[in-house]
Amino acid sequence: MPITLTGRTAAAGACAAAALLALSACGSSNDYGGTASPPPASSSSAAGGAGLATGRDAKLGAIVTDAQGFTLYRFDKDRTAPPVSNCAGQCATIWPPVAAVRDSAVKGVDQNLVGTVTRADGSKQATLGGRPLYRYGGDAKAGETNGQGVGGTWFVVAPDGTKAGGVAQSPAPSDTGSNGY
């Protein structure tokens, strides 16, 4: 028996196909690792933020996670003084910004290092040591660190805001004229 599609079903299928095509069109040559899927809806990028906590990775040592244990990252092309996020559009789909957190939602991280930045869309993003924080769509479960070193610009963040695992620090860009994609 043939399958018939209603208008809504066909439209939903077309939207899903377009989204898959858009994600598959992203090559690995960009700085934000355009081949990953966004994290689940329960991510710390959801409204209200899910908090910050410390965790431990066997290779990287002390790391920062969200309240669900998902690893958080920093982007070398962001500014720190003042904080500015240079990850928007497709980048922010793959690397969702971590929503600003409440004071009580910070565990094991120096509260004095936690701040916020207002993104271009008006939303508030959490910062640590002046660096905006992100999740990675390629981390399917808590504790994964698949975003470490992507594009030579994405790194797991340590509790002091630096790169976890003793990775050499690169200076923050001093202007927002180019995001380097």
Protein backbone atom coordinates (compact mmCIF):
# COMPACT_ATOMS: atom_id res chain seq x y z
CA MET A 1 0.00 0.00 0.00
CA PRO A 2 1.50 3.41 -0.96
CA ILE A 3 2.37 5.86 1.79
CA THR A 4 0.82 9.30 1.50
CA LEU A 5 2.28 12.33 3.21
CA THR A 6 0.22 15.13 4.67
CA GLY A 7 1.33 18.72 4.09
CA ARG A 8 2.77 18.95 7.60
CA THR A 9 4.67 15.67 7.31
CA ALA A 10 6.14 16.65 3.95
CA ALA A 11 7.13 20.08 5.25
CA ALA A 12 8.76 18.57 8.34
CA GLY A 13 10.66 16.09 6.18
CA ALA A 14 11.84 18.87 3.89
CA CYS A 15 13.05 20.91 6.87
CA ALA A 16 14.91 17.92 8.31
CA ALA A 17 16.53 17.21 4.94
CA ALA A 18 17.59 20.84 4.60
CA ALA A 19 19.12 20.81 8.09
CA LEU A 20 21.05 17.63 7.35
CA LEU A 21 22.28 19.09 4.08
CA ALA A 22 23.41 22.27 5.80
CA LEU A 23 25.35 20.34 8.45
CA SER A 24 26.90 17.98 5.93
CA ALA A 25 28.03 20.91 3.79
CA CYS A 26 30.29 22.12 6.59
CA GLY A 27 33.83 20.94 5.99
CA SER A 28 36.45 20.14 8.54
CA SER A 29 38.61 22.97 7.26
CA ASN A 30 36.78 25.58 9.33
CA ASP A 31 37.85 26.55 12.80
CA TYR A 32 34.71 25.38 14.49
CA GLY A 33 34.59 21.76 13.35
CA GLY A 34 31.47 22.04 11.21
CA THR A 35 30.69 18.31 11.03
CA ALA A 36 29.16 17.74 14.46
CA SER A 37 25.52 17.70 15.48
CA PRO A 38 24.28 20.10 18.14
CA PRO A 39 24.07 18.75 21.69
CA PRO A 40 20.78 17.53 23.15
CA ALA A 41 18.17 20.09 24.20
CA SER A 42 19.09 19.51 27.86
CA SER A 43 22.42 21.27 27.32
CA SER A 44 23.63 24.16 29.42
CA SER A 45 22.78 26.46 26.55
CA ALA A 46 19.11 26.17 27.51
CA ALA A 47 17.46 29.17 29.13
CA GLY A 48 18.61 29.82 32.67
CA GLY A 49 21.87 27.92 32.44
CA ALA A 50 22.63 24.61 34.05
CA GLY A 51 25.62 25.63 36.15
CA LEU A 52 29.34 25.05 36.17
CA ALA A 53 31.24 22.30 37.95
CA THR A 54 34.71 20.81 37.92
CA GLY A 55 35.51 17.37 36.65
CA ARG A 56 38.56 15.26 35.97
CA ASP A 57 39.75 13.85 32.65
CA ALA A 58 42.44 11.13 32.56
CA LYS A 59 44.50 12.97 29.91
CA LEU A 60 43.65 16.64 30.56
CA GLY A 61 43.39 16.73 34.36
CA ALA A 62 40.98 19.20 35.96
CA ILE A 63 38.29 20.43 33.56
CA VAL A 64 35.07 22.44 33.71
CA THR A 65 31.72 20.84 32.95
CA ASP A 66 28.11 21.86 33.01
CA ALA A 67 25.84 20.46 35.72
CA GLN A 68 25.13 17.36 33.59
CA GLY A 69 28.86 16.60 33.31
CA PHE A 70 29.28 17.71 29.68
CA THR A 71 32.70 19.19 28.96
CA LEU A 72 32.95 22.94 28.36
CA TYR A 73 35.25 24.62 25.84
CA ARG A 74 36.87 27.94 25.02
CA PHE A 75 37.51 29.42 21.56
CA ASP A 76 40.87 31.08 20.87
CA LYS A 77 39.27 33.60 18.52
CA ASP A 78 37.10 35.10 21.26
CA ARG A 79 38.17 38.31 23.00
CA THR A 80 38.77 38.47 26.73
CA ALA A 81 39.15 42.18 27.54
CA PRO A 82 36.35 42.99 27.26
CA PRO A 83 34.84 39.53 26.64
CA VAL A 84 33.40 39.07 23.14
CA SER A 85 32.12 35.87 21.55
CA ASN A 86 33.17 35.40 17.93
CA CYS A 87 31.14 32.21 17.46
CA ALA A 88 27.73 32.87 15.89
CA GLY A 89 25.47 31.37 13.24
CA GLN A 90 26.55 27.87 12.16
CA CYS A 91 29.42 27.99 14.66
CA ALA A 92 26.99 28.51 17.55
CA THR A 93 24.90 25.59 16.30
CA ILE A 94 27.87 23.25 16.59
CA TRP A 95 29.37 24.98 19.63
CA PRO A 96 26.30 26.17 21.65
CA PRO A 97 27.07 29.03 24.01
CA VAL A 98 26.67 28.23 27.70
CA ALA A 99 23.96 30.44 29.17
CA ALA A 100 24.99 32.67 32.06
CA VAL A 101 24.84 30.83 35.38
CA ARG A 102 23.49 31.77 38.77
CA ASP A 103 26.02 32.22 41.59
CA SER A 104 24.65 29.17 43.40
CA ALA A 105 25.13 27.03 40.27
CA VAL A 106 28.95 27.22 40.40
CA LYS A 107 30.71 24.26 42.07
CA GLY A 108 34.48 23.97 42.36
CA VAL A 109 35.18 27.02 40.19
CA ASP A 110 36.42 30.33 41.62
CA GLN A 111 33.32 32.57 41.55
CA ASN A 112 35.58 35.59 40.96
CA LEU A 113 36.53 34.16 37.55
CA VAL A 114 32.91 33.61 36.45
CA GLY A 115 31.24 36.35 34.46
CA THR A 116 28.98 37.01 31.51
CA VAL A 117 29.10 38.50 28.06
CA THR A 118 26.15 39.80 26.09
CA ARG A 119 26.03 38.11 22.70
CA ALA A 120 25.02 39.87 19.48
CA ASP A 121 21.52 38.37 19.83
CA GLY A 122 21.15 39.89 23.32
CA SER A 123 21.47 36.59 25.23
CA LYS A 124 23.86 36.30 28.16
CA GLN A 125 26.72 33.80 27.88
CA ALA A 126 28.83 32.51 30.77
CA THR A 127 32.52 33.35 30.81
CA LEU A 128 35.39 31.92 32.83
CA GLY A 129 38.56 33.94 33.21
CA GLY A 130 37.11 36.31 30.59
CA ARG A 131 36.61 33.52 28.01
CA PRO A 132 33.10 32.74 26.74
CA LEU A 133 32.13 29.09 27.38
CA TYR A 134 30.66 26.57 24.92
CA ARG A 135 29.49 22.96 24.66
CA TYR A 136 30.45 20.81 21.65
CA GLY A 137 27.85 19.03 19.52
CA GLY A 138 30.30 16.18 18.96
CA ASP A 139 30.20 15.21 22.64
CA ALA A 140 27.33 12.72 22.79
CA LYS A 141 27.63 11.97 26.50
CA ALA A 142 28.99 13.44 29.69
CA GLY A 143 32.75 13.25 30.07
CA GLU A 144 33.62 13.19 26.37
CA THR A 145 36.25 15.66 25.15
CA ASN A 146 35.87 15.27 21.38
CA GLY A 147 36.19 19.03 20.83
CA GLN A 148 39.72 19.24 22.25
CA GLY A 149 41.99 20.89 19.68
CA VAL A 150 39.37 21.16 16.90
CA GLY A 151 40.64 23.55 14.24
CA GLY A 152 43.57 24.40 16.50
CA THR A 153 41.27 26.95 18.18
CA TRP A 154 38.90 24.99 20.48
CA PHE A 155 40.10 23.67 23.82
CA VAL A 156 38.67 22.12 26.96
CA VAL A 157 38.65 24.77 29.67
CA ALA A 158 40.41 24.32 33.02
CA PRO A 159 38.87 25.61 36.28
CA ASP A 160 41.03 28.76 36.10
CA GLY A 161 39.84 29.60 32.55
CA THR A 162 43.03 28.47 30.83
CA LYS A 163 43.34 25.52 28.44
CA ALA A 164 43.16 22.17 30.20
CA GLY A 165 46.03 19.73 30.00
CA GLY A 166 48.84 22.24 29.88
CA VAL A 167 48.18 23.19 26.24
CA ALA A 168 50.16 26.30 25.34
CA GLN A 169 48.09 29.44 25.73
CA SER A 170 47.56 31.72 22.76
CA PRO A 171 46.78 35.37 23.27
CA ALA A 172 43.20 36.51 22.85
CA PRO A 173 42.49 38.53 19.73
CA SER A 174 42.52 42.24 20.46
CA ASP A 175 39.78 43.22 18.05
CA THR A 176 36.56 41.84 16.60
CA GLY A 177 37.20 42.83 13.00
CA SER A 178 37.49 39.24 11.78
CA ASN A 179 36.37 35.99 13.33
CA GLY A 180 38.59 33.90 11.06
CA TYR A 181 36.06 31.47 9.63
